[in-house]
Every structure is written in C-alpha cells, then in structure tokens.
Amino acid sequence: MPQLVHAYQGEDNAAEKGLGQEQHREERRHEEQYGRTLIENKCCNEERKRDDKQMKCKITDPKYHFITLFDDETGVYVRSGIIENGRDTGADPFMASFPHLIDVGVMGHCIHGKTGLCRKAGIGCYQNGAVTEKPNMTIDDFRWIAEQCRGRTNQLALGGRGDPDQHEHFEELLQICRENGLVPNFTTSGYGLTPELAAVCRKYCGAVAVSWYRSTYTHNAIRMLLDAGVKTNIHYVLGQNSIDEAIERLERDDFPKGVNAVIFLLHKPAGQGTRENVLAPEDPRVKRFFAQVDRDHSFRVGMDSCNVPGAIRFCRNILPQSLDTCEGGRFSCYIGADMVMSTCSFDRKGRYGVALRPCIIEDAWNSEAFEHFRNRMRSACPDCKKRELCLGGCPLMPEIVFCSSEHRKMDL
C-alpha cells in the first residue's frame, strides 16, 4: 500500500551527537509523565516498537498532550494522538505549542529567476523572484532563529526568493542548523549547483529537492547530488500546464533513476502564479493524476498538504495516517528574510504576518494573527464527515482546494 512522502524529509549523515545532561533529565521527566508505551498511534505493535527504538528525537507537548518522534537519519516523523491518563486516545492534536518545522526564507533575491528560465519552464514564482531584489537573511538573524528552535523543532527548510545554495554564507547556515540539533533541507533550481556545493549538502543536509525545470541544469543537479550521496527529491509544480506531463511520467515511471521521491506541489495563484493555471476539482485529469499517485512506483511519491483534499477524494490505497493536511500555524510556519513570521509562505499579502525582533518566535506563534488563521480551519466544513482529514483545505486560497462537496464551508 503506498505511503505519501512529506514535502520535507531529512536524512542526517553527520556523526552521532551526544545528549547533554539537561537533555537526559528532560527525557526522563517526559518518560515519567507519559510512560514509555504510549505511542499506540495507528501502527501495529511490531511497527510501533521498531519505530520507537529507532527514533532519535522526541518532543513532548505538555500543553496539548501529545508526543512526536523524529528520526533524523530517515526523516520519519510520528505523531501520537492526544494522551489522556497515560493512554493515546486516537484523537489527532490540532496544533503544537511550538512549530516542529520552520520554512526559513534565507533568500531575498533570485539569480535563477532573473534569467527568465523559471517562466520559460512554465513556473510562476509565487515570491516574484524575477522582479524582486532584496537582501538575503543575515547570519545573525538565522542563528537567532535556530537557537530558539533548539530542542523544540525538528527541521528547518531553507528557502525564500531564490536558491539557498547561492546564499553568500550557505555552508555556515547549514552548520548553524546542526549545532542546534536541527536537520536542514532545501529546494534548488540546480542552476548554480556545483560538485563542491553538493559535497556540502552531503555533510549537513537531510535531503535536497531539485525543482523540475525540464532542463540540462535540472538533470545535472540531480546527478551531482546523487553522486555525492545526498538523498535527492524532485519538486514538481502541478498546474493546468503541467498535469498532462505528470500523468504521462507517472504512467511510465519516467523520472531520473536514483531519486528518493517525486513530490508534487500544487500551483497557487500568488506572485507570478496565475489563476488561469489553477486546476479545477472537476477537471477529469485531476482524477487521472491521483489514480497514478494511488499505485506503486519505482520511486516514492509525495505531495504538499495543499493536495491532501484530492488524495482524500480520489485515492483508495493511500494510508490515511500518512496524510497531513495544512500544517500552517499548527505545526509549521514561515519566516522571511525580512524577519516577518507568517503561518505560511504563500501569505504574500502579509495578512497573518508578525514582525520578529523584539517579538520572539513563541510570541508570534501565539499571536492573534496566527489564532485567526487557525480558527478558519477549526470552523471549516462542520457538517462534513471527512473534515478531520482536511480541515477544509487551504485557508488562504480556497480556489485551489480539490473539493466540490455541498458540505464545504470556510469562514472568511
């Protein structure tokens, strides 16, 4: 039975890191509070024992009463249900008290975008990388973020308006992640990637994704990363202009050999992304696409959370436990190079943005702006039997949600 791959998955190839005494004491407090056998989750006993033994990073959330386990070698992430009286109730927690994954927009401008190659490949940059020129995130700002995340966050996904491997302090950014117990991942066009940069990725990164630009530099980047021993994914933007190719390639398993996964990111009408390229839920090609997602391939298949309503509607073989709908403001967030934190990187109008410094990450996470965003999901589709799986889909752009149910409802 196929399992979906999250858009960010890590593999730590660095040396084992020892735990400090305070961290050992904290783990003991967690074990005393909840016990060792609470991860009943949705796995059989044998799988639970094996996963529990292999997991290296454990986060207990005393506010919302659940536990997550994260394997920084494989990227496997397991979240328990809400725990009551030492037992897993099976009810999914709505949110965490601190983000487990943060998308950090370290890039303020894009070398690749200014060449016009994004648009030539049919990709409408939601960050307006072709026309925007702003400073990259500073090392001091990035370190300030990472230090707050130590012991509370699993992964930092480096991104922003451009290729993170072209940041003037790229290796130092990755090193800061590891110094704070965080797994760094990022997506690149591959345009400026070199064997030397690929070696840096091998040293520090969990995984690297290459955007599917259908070009020589796309294939060269994939090969460089694979040759360097980096877990390599492909990020494929799915829209009106690319879904036919996606279906055909999935039918033939026609992606470069050796990649870990092909992850489909739904086109959004933001920045240079147009509404004309948005896929309609009743487009027959959408059903054909998910039929291909629903079968086994020679590589793993994943998608971003924006695609989850489509998987719920059209897939029959996907494990429900592997589906995680919009995590924005619940388990993840975005921090731009301008040090504004939002629930999601697609909040281009800044409707839910909170300026950091002197405000810290935890303050922004608990802000009224973030709570307003969450409330849209809390109140969505109250009469739908499947609402717990998708929470109404994207709160920012309802037009991209693959649902035409009569029960669909989201307050503005």
Protein backbone atom coordinates (compact mmCIF):
# COMPACT_ATOMS: atom_id res chain seq x y z
CA MET A 1 0.00 0.00 0.00
CA PRO A 2 1.52 3.38 -1.00
CA GLN A 3 2.51 5.87 1.66
CA LEU A 4 2.86 9.56 0.90
CA VAL A 5 6.12 11.37 1.50
CA HIS A 6 6.05 14.73 3.23
CA ALA A 7 7.39 17.64 1.23
CA TYR A 8 10.35 17.85 3.64
CA GLN A 9 12.14 14.69 4.68
CA GLY A 10 15.56 14.52 6.22
CA GLU A 11 18.45 12.16 6.39
CA ASP A 12 21.24 13.02 8.77
CA ASN A 13 24.62 11.84 7.52
CA ALA A 14 26.58 13.70 10.16
CA ALA A 15 28.20 11.96 13.13
CA GLU A 16 26.06 10.90 16.09
CA LYS A 17 25.62 13.73 18.55
CA GLY A 18 25.69 13.06 22.28
CA LEU A 19 22.94 14.37 24.55
CA GLY A 20 23.76 16.79 27.35
CA GLN A 21 22.86 16.01 30.94
CA GLU A 22 19.98 18.51 30.94
CA GLN A 23 18.50 16.86 27.85
CA HIS A 24 18.77 13.44 29.50
CA ARG A 25 16.98 14.80 32.57
CA GLU A 26 14.27 16.30 30.37
CA GLU A 27 13.75 12.96 28.60
CA ARG A 28 13.42 11.22 31.95
CA ARG A 29 10.77 13.76 33.01
CA HIS A 30 8.89 13.06 29.77
CA GLU A 31 9.05 9.32 30.38
CA GLU A 32 7.86 9.70 33.97
CA GLN A 33 4.96 11.89 32.84
CA TYR A 34 3.73 9.75 29.97
CA GLY A 35 5.49 6.40 30.22
CA ARG A 36 7.40 4.51 27.53
CA THR A 37 4.49 2.68 25.91
CA LEU A 38 2.14 5.45 24.91
CA ILE A 39 2.76 5.56 21.18
CA GLU A 40 -0.23 3.38 20.33
CA ASN A 41 -0.80 5.77 17.41
CA LYS A 42 -2.14 3.96 14.33
CA CYS A 43 0.58 1.35 13.86
CA CYS A 44 0.63 -2.30 14.78
CA ASN A 45 2.60 -3.26 17.90
CA GLU A 46 5.61 -4.57 15.96
CA GLU A 47 5.91 -1.39 13.90
CA ARG A 48 5.47 0.73 16.98
CA LYS A 49 8.28 -0.98 18.84
CA ARG A 50 10.62 -0.79 15.88
CA ASP A 51 9.90 2.92 15.22
CA ASP A 52 10.11 3.79 18.91
CA LYS A 53 13.51 2.12 19.15
CA GLN A 54 14.93 3.86 16.09
CA MET A 55 13.66 7.37 16.73
CA LYS A 56 16.32 9.77 17.93
CA CYS A 57 14.40 12.99 18.60
CA LYS A 58 11.44 13.06 20.95
CA ILE A 59 9.27 16.10 21.65
CA THR A 60 6.63 16.00 24.36
CA ASP A 61 3.99 18.72 24.26
CA PRO A 62 2.68 19.23 27.82
CA LYS A 63 0.21 21.91 26.69
CA TYR A 64 -1.58 19.86 24.02
CA HIS A 65 -0.73 16.43 25.47
CA PHE A 66 0.91 14.51 22.66
CA ILE A 67 4.35 13.24 21.66
CA THR A 68 6.26 13.31 18.38
CA LEU A 69 9.20 11.18 17.39
CA PHE A 70 11.56 12.17 14.60
CA ASP A 71 14.34 10.08 13.10
CA ASP A 72 16.98 12.50 11.89
CA GLU A 73 18.56 9.78 9.73
CA THR A 74 15.49 8.79 7.72
CA GLY A 75 13.14 11.76 8.15
CA VAL A 76 10.39 9.55 9.57
CA TYR A 77 8.05 11.64 11.73
CA VAL A 78 5.46 10.04 14.03
CA ARG A 79 2.86 11.98 15.98
CA SER A 80 0.80 10.38 18.72
CA GLY A 81 -2.83 11.11 19.38
CA ILE A 82 -3.92 13.22 22.32
CA ILE A 83 -2.85 11.48 25.51
CA GLU A 84 -5.16 11.19 28.49
CA ASN A 85 -4.32 9.26 31.65
CA GLY A 86 -1.20 7.86 30.02
CA ARG A 87 -3.07 6.42 27.03
CA ASP A 88 -3.33 7.52 23.41
CA THR A 89 -6.96 8.45 22.71
CA GLY A 90 -6.53 8.21 18.94
CA ALA A 91 -7.75 11.82 18.51
CA ASP A 92 -5.29 13.89 16.46
CA PRO A 93 -3.91 17.02 18.14
CA PHE A 94 -4.88 20.18 16.30
CA MET A 95 -1.61 22.02 16.89
CA ALA A 96 1.70 22.11 18.74
CA SER A 97 2.85 24.67 21.28
CA PHE A 98 5.85 25.47 19.04
CA PRO A 99 6.43 24.78 15.31
CA HIS A 100 8.07 21.43 14.54
CA LEU A 101 9.15 22.57 11.07
CA ILE A 102 10.00 26.11 10.02
CA ASP A 103 10.37 27.25 6.43
CA VAL A 104 13.11 29.87 6.66
CA GLY A 105 13.29 32.20 3.67
CA VAL A 106 17.01 32.91 3.72
CA MET A 107 16.98 34.28 0.16
CA GLY A 108 15.85 37.80 -0.65
CA HIS A 109 16.62 37.68 -4.37
CA CYS A 110 16.96 35.06 -7.09
CA ILE A 111 19.79 34.65 -9.60
CA HIS A 112 17.91 31.92 -11.46
CA GLY A 113 14.67 33.90 -11.61
CA LYS A 114 16.30 36.87 -13.26
CA THR A 115 17.44 34.69 -16.17
CA GLY A 116 13.81 34.14 -17.13
CA LEU A 117 14.28 30.37 -17.02
CA CYS A 118 11.53 29.85 -14.42
CA ARG A 119 8.90 31.40 -16.65
CA LYS A 120 10.32 29.56 -19.68
CA ALA A 121 9.70 26.30 -17.80
CA GLY A 122 6.12 27.34 -17.07
CA ILE A 123 6.71 28.09 -13.39
CA GLY A 124 5.13 31.26 -11.99
CA CYS A 125 7.27 32.21 -8.98
CA TYR A 126 5.00 32.98 -6.04
CA GLN A 127 7.82 35.06 -4.50
CA ASN A 128 8.21 37.26 -7.61
CA GLY A 129 11.84 36.23 -7.85
CA ALA A 130 12.22 37.53 -11.40
CA VAL A 131 11.49 41.12 -10.44
CA THR A 132 12.29 41.50 -6.74
CA GLU A 133 15.71 42.40 -5.35
CA LYS A 134 16.01 42.37 -1.54
CA PRO A 135 18.81 41.41 0.88
CA ASN A 136 19.31 37.81 1.93
CA MET A 137 18.81 36.87 5.57
CA THR A 138 21.81 37.68 7.74
CA ILE A 139 23.78 35.06 9.62
CA ASP A 140 22.93 36.73 12.93
CA ASP A 141 19.19 36.60 12.21
CA PHE A 142 19.41 32.96 11.14
CA ARG A 143 21.36 31.99 14.26
CA TRP A 144 18.81 33.85 16.42
CA ILE A 145 16.07 31.72 14.85
CA ALA A 146 17.96 28.43 15.16
CA GLU A 147 18.84 28.96 18.82
CA GLN A 148 15.16 29.43 19.70
CA CYS A 149 14.33 26.18 17.90
CA ARG A 150 16.87 24.00 19.69
CA GLY A 151 15.10 21.02 21.30
CA ARG A 152 11.70 22.21 20.07
CA THR A 153 11.86 21.96 16.26
CA ASN A 154 12.98 19.05 14.07
CA GLN A 155 13.75 20.62 10.70
CA LEU A 156 14.48 23.94 9.07
CA ALA A 157 13.53 24.07 5.39
CA LEU A 158 15.71 26.74 3.81
CA GLY A 159 14.06 28.67 1.01
CA GLY A 160 12.79 32.12 0.17
CA ARG A 161 13.18 34.10 -3.02
CA GLY A 162 16.00 32.13 -4.67
CA ASP A 163 18.24 29.08 -4.38
CA PRO A 164 19.60 28.70 -0.83
CA ASP A 165 22.80 27.14 -2.20
CA GLN A 166 23.57 30.57 -3.66
CA HIS A 167 23.46 32.32 -0.26
CA GLU A 168 26.76 34.00 0.48
CA HIS A 169 27.04 32.04 3.76
CA PHE A 170 25.39 28.79 2.65
CA GLU A 171 27.63 26.32 4.49
CA GLU A 172 27.55 28.38 7.67
CA LEU A 173 23.74 28.31 7.62
CA LEU A 174 23.78 24.53 7.45
CA GLN A 175 26.40 24.32 10.18
CA ILE A 176 24.31 26.51 12.50
CA CYS A 177 21.38 24.12 11.98
CA ARG A 178 23.45 21.13 13.06
CA GLU A 179 24.93 22.98 16.02
CA ASN A 180 21.38 23.46 17.27
CA GLY A 181 20.19 19.91 16.65
CA LEU A 182 18.17 20.82 13.56
CA VAL A 183 18.06 18.96 10.24
CA PRO A 184 18.42 21.36 7.29
CA ASN A 185 16.68 20.71 3.97
CA PHE A 186 16.19 22.93 0.96
CA THR A 187 14.96 23.14 -2.63
CA THR A 188 17.11 24.37 -5.51
CA SER A 189 16.69 25.03 -9.20
CA GLY A 190 20.15 23.50 -9.61
CA TYR A 191 21.17 26.43 -11.78
CA GLY A 192 24.26 27.32 -9.75
CA LEU A 193 24.92 23.98 -8.08
CA THR A 194 28.49 22.63 -8.21
CA PRO A 195 30.11 19.37 -7.07
CA GLU A 196 31.64 21.34 -4.19
CA LEU A 197 28.23 22.55 -3.03
CA ALA A 198 26.83 19.02 -3.43
CA ALA A 199 29.57 17.80 -1.06
CA VAL A 200 28.50 20.43 1.48
CA CYS A 201 24.93 19.14 1.18
CA ARG A 202 26.16 15.60 1.81
CA LYS A 203 27.86 16.77 5.00
CA TYR A 204 24.94 18.62 6.54
CA CYS A 205 21.58 18.17 4.78
CA GLY A 206 18.82 15.70 5.46
CA ALA A 207 17.54 15.90 1.89
CA VAL A 208 17.72 18.24 -1.08
CA ALA A 209 14.93 18.75 -3.60
CA VAL A 210 15.55 19.86 -7.18
CA SER A 211 12.73 21.78 -8.86
CA TRP A 212 11.59 20.15 -12.08
CA TYR A 213 12.56 22.72 -14.73
CA ARG A 214 12.99 20.18 -17.54
CA SER A 215 16.45 21.47 -18.40
CA THR A 216 20.04 20.32 -18.67
CA TYR A 217 20.92 22.00 -15.38
CA THR A 218 17.99 20.20 -13.70
CA HIS A 219 19.37 16.79 -14.68
CA ASN A 220 22.96 17.82 -13.93
CA ALA A 221 21.99 18.94 -10.41
CA ILE A 222 20.14 15.69 -9.72
CA ARG A 223 23.14 13.69 -10.88
CA MET A 224 25.61 15.78 -8.85
CA LEU A 225 23.60 15.32 -5.67
CA LEU A 226 23.10 11.59 -6.21
CA ASP A 227 26.79 11.12 -6.98
CA ALA A 228 27.62 12.94 -3.75
CA GLY A 229 25.37 10.56 -1.78
CA VAL A 230 22.63 13.10 -0.99
CA LYS A 231 19.04 11.94 -0.55
CA THR A 232 17.51 13.71 -3.55
CA ASN A 233 13.89 14.52 -4.28
CA ILE A 234 12.22 16.19 -7.24
CA HIS A 235 9.71 19.00 -6.64
CA TYR A 236 7.16 19.14 -9.43
CA VAL A 237 4.69 22.06 -9.62
CA LEU A 238 1.28 20.73 -10.63
CA GLY A 239 -0.96 23.05 -12.64
CA GLN A 240 -3.05 23.26 -15.79
CA ASN A 241 0.12 23.48 -17.87
CA SER A 242 1.92 20.51 -16.28
CA ILE A 243 -0.62 17.88 -15.19
CA ASP A 244 -0.62 16.03 -18.54
CA GLU A 245 3.13 15.59 -18.37
CA ALA A 246 2.86 14.49 -14.72
CA ILE A 247 0.32 11.78 -15.59
CA GLU A 248 2.41 10.53 -18.52
CA ARG A 249 5.62 10.42 -16.49
CA LEU A 250 3.93 8.59 -13.62
CA GLU A 251 2.43 6.09 -16.04
CA ARG A 252 5.92 5.30 -17.37
CA ASP A 253 7.86 5.90 -14.11
CA ASP A 254 9.76 8.39 -16.21
CA PHE A 255 11.86 10.33 -13.72
CA PRO A 256 15.64 10.17 -13.22
CA LYS A 257 16.73 6.89 -11.68
CA GLY A 258 18.03 7.02 -8.15
CA VAL A 259 15.82 9.82 -6.82
CA ASN A 260 14.25 9.19 -3.43
CA ALA A 261 10.87 10.70 -4.25
CA VAL A 262 8.92 12.89 -6.64
CA ILE A 263 6.87 15.39 -4.67
CA PHE A 264 4.02 17.25 -6.31
CA LEU A 265 3.42 20.85 -5.21
CA LEU A 266 0.08 22.33 -6.17
CA HIS A 267 0.23 25.54 -8.23
CA LYS A 268 -1.01 28.56 -6.29
CA PRO A 269 -2.20 31.90 -7.74
CA ALA A 270 0.33 34.00 -5.82
CA GLY A 271 3.09 36.29 -7.02
CA GLN A 272 3.70 35.46 -10.68
CA GLY A 273 1.45 32.41 -10.41
CA THR A 274 -1.75 32.94 -12.38
CA ARG A 275 -5.33 31.95 -11.68
CA GLU A 276 -5.56 30.56 -15.22
CA ASN A 277 -3.11 27.81 -14.21
CA VAL A 278 -5.17 26.66 -11.21
CA LEU A 279 -6.58 23.15 -11.56
CA ALA A 280 -10.33 22.75 -11.07
CA PRO A 281 -11.57 19.90 -8.81
CA GLU A 282 -13.83 18.55 -11.56
CA ASP A 283 -11.12 18.50 -14.23
CA PRO A 284 -11.03 14.80 -15.28
CA ARG A 285 -7.23 14.96 -15.40
CA VAL A 286 -7.15 15.51 -11.62
CA LYS A 287 -8.79 12.15 -11.03
CA ARG A 288 -6.38 10.50 -13.51
CA PHE A 289 -3.43 12.08 -11.71
CA PHE A 290 -4.47 10.79 -8.30
CA ALA A 291 -5.08 7.35 -9.80
CA GLN A 292 -1.37 7.34 -10.63
CA VAL A 293 -0.44 8.59 -7.15
CA ASP A 294 -2.52 5.72 -5.78
CA ARG A 295 -0.33 2.99 -7.31
CA ASP A 296 3.20 1.78 -6.63
CA HIS A 297 6.17 3.27 -8.46
CA SER A 298 9.90 2.65 -8.65
CA PHE A 299 10.33 5.84 -6.59
CA ARG A 300 8.35 7.25 -3.72
CA VAL A 301 5.55 9.72 -4.44
CA GLY A 302 4.70 12.64 -2.21
CA MET A 303 2.74 15.85 -2.22
CA ASP A 304 2.36 19.06 -0.30
CA SER A 305 -0.54 19.42 2.11
CA CYS A 306 -2.47 21.52 -0.43
CA ASN A 307 -3.02 18.30 -2.41
CA VAL A 308 -4.46 16.37 0.54
CA PRO A 309 -8.15 17.08 -0.25
CA GLY A 310 -7.54 15.49 -3.66
CA ALA A 311 -5.93 12.41 -2.11
CA ILE A 312 -8.86 12.07 0.30
CA ARG A 313 -11.34 12.31 -2.55
CA PHE A 314 -9.70 10.17 -5.22
CA CYS A 315 -7.21 7.76 -3.61
CA ARG A 316 -8.22 4.39 -2.24
CA ASN A 317 -4.88 2.82 -1.36
CA ILE A 318 -3.15 5.66 0.49
CA LEU A 319 -2.85 5.16 4.22
CA PRO A 320 -4.91 7.88 5.95
CA GLN A 321 -2.19 8.01 8.60
CA SER A 322 0.25 9.31 6.01
CA LEU A 323 -1.99 12.27 5.12
CA ASP A 324 -1.39 15.54 6.95
CA THR A 325 -3.46 18.49 5.86
CA CYS A 326 -2.41 22.15 6.08
CA GLU A 327 0.16 22.41 8.86
CA GLY A 328 0.40 26.20 8.63
CA GLY A 329 0.12 27.80 12.05
CA ARG A 330 -0.45 24.37 13.58
CA PHE A 331 2.86 22.50 13.21
CA SER A 332 4.83 24.74 10.83
CA CYS A 333 5.35 28.36 9.85
CA TYR A 334 7.38 30.63 7.56
CA ILE A 335 9.97 33.28 8.42
CA GLY A 336 11.11 35.52 5.59
CA ALA A 337 14.45 37.23 5.04
CA ASP A 338 12.76 40.40 6.34
CA MET A 339 12.18 38.61 9.67
CA VAL A 340 8.41 38.59 9.37
CA MET A 341 6.87 35.32 10.54
CA SER A 342 3.66 34.05 8.98
CA THR A 343 1.59 30.89 9.08
CA CYS A 344 2.59 30.03 5.52
CA SER A 345 4.99 31.26 2.84
CA PHE A 346 2.03 31.80 0.50
CA ASP A 347 0.63 34.56 2.70
CA ARG A 348 2.06 37.07 0.22
CA LYS A 349 -0.21 39.90 1.40
CA GLY A 350 1.06 39.56 4.97
CA ARG A 351 -2.40 39.13 6.38
CA TYR A 352 -1.11 36.83 9.12
CA GLY A 353 2.41 38.22 9.41
CA VAL A 354 4.08 39.11 12.71
CA ALA A 355 7.35 41.07 12.81
CA LEU A 356 10.09 39.36 14.82
CA ARG A 357 12.64 41.20 16.97
CA PRO A 358 11.87 42.13 19.67
CA CYS A 359 8.97 39.66 19.30
CA ILE A 360 10.26 36.07 19.56
CA ILE A 361 9.04 33.00 17.65
CA GLU A 362 6.87 31.77 20.51
CA ASP A 363 5.13 35.15 20.80
CA ALA A 364 4.35 35.18 17.07
CA TRP A 365 3.14 31.58 17.27
CA ASN A 366 0.66 32.55 19.99
CA SER A 367 -0.37 35.85 18.36
CA GLU A 368 -3.88 36.92 17.42
CA ALA A 369 -2.93 36.81 13.74
CA PHE A 370 -1.95 33.13 13.93
CA GLU A 371 -5.02 32.30 16.01
CA HIS A 372 -7.28 33.93 13.43
CA PHE A 373 -5.72 31.72 10.75
CA ARG A 374 -6.25 28.59 12.87
CA ASN A 375 -9.84 29.49 13.62
CA ARG A 376 -10.65 29.33 9.91
CA MET A 377 -9.64 25.65 9.97
CA ARG A 378 -11.33 24.97 13.29
CA SER A 379 -14.68 26.14 11.94
CA ALA A 380 -14.39 24.77 8.39
CA CYS A 381 -16.92 22.32 6.94
CA PRO A 382 -18.71 21.43 10.21
CA ASP A 383 -21.15 19.02 8.52
CA CYS A 384 -18.56 17.04 6.52
CA LYS A 385 -17.71 13.55 7.76
CA LYS A 386 -14.15 13.90 6.43
CA ARG A 387 -13.38 17.32 7.92
CA GLU A 388 -10.86 15.91 10.41
CA LEU A 389 -8.71 14.74 7.49
CA CYS A 390 -8.52 18.04 5.59
CA LEU A 391 -9.92 20.82 7.84
CA GLY A 392 -11.39 22.48 4.77
CA GLY A 393 -8.14 22.70 2.83
CA CYS A 394 -6.12 25.86 2.20
CA PRO A 395 -7.40 28.83 4.27
CA LEU A 396 -5.51 31.30 2.06
CA MET A 397 -6.66 30.25 -1.41
CA PRO A 398 -9.96 28.31 -1.34
CA GLU A 399 -9.96 28.13 -5.15
CA ILE A 400 -7.13 25.55 -5.15
CA VAL A 401 -8.94 23.01 -2.93
CA PHE A 402 -9.84 19.77 -4.74
CA CYS A 403 -13.32 19.56 -3.26
CA SER A 404 -16.79 20.29 -4.60
CA SER A 405 -18.78 18.84 -1.71
CA GLU A 406 -22.01 20.52 -0.73
CA HIS A 407 -20.72 20.48 2.84
CA ARG A 408 -17.69 22.59 2.04
CA LYS A 409 -17.65 25.79 4.07
CA MET A 410 -14.89 28.11 5.29
CA ASP A 411 -15.45 31.43 7.04
CA LEU A 412 -13.50 34.38 5.63
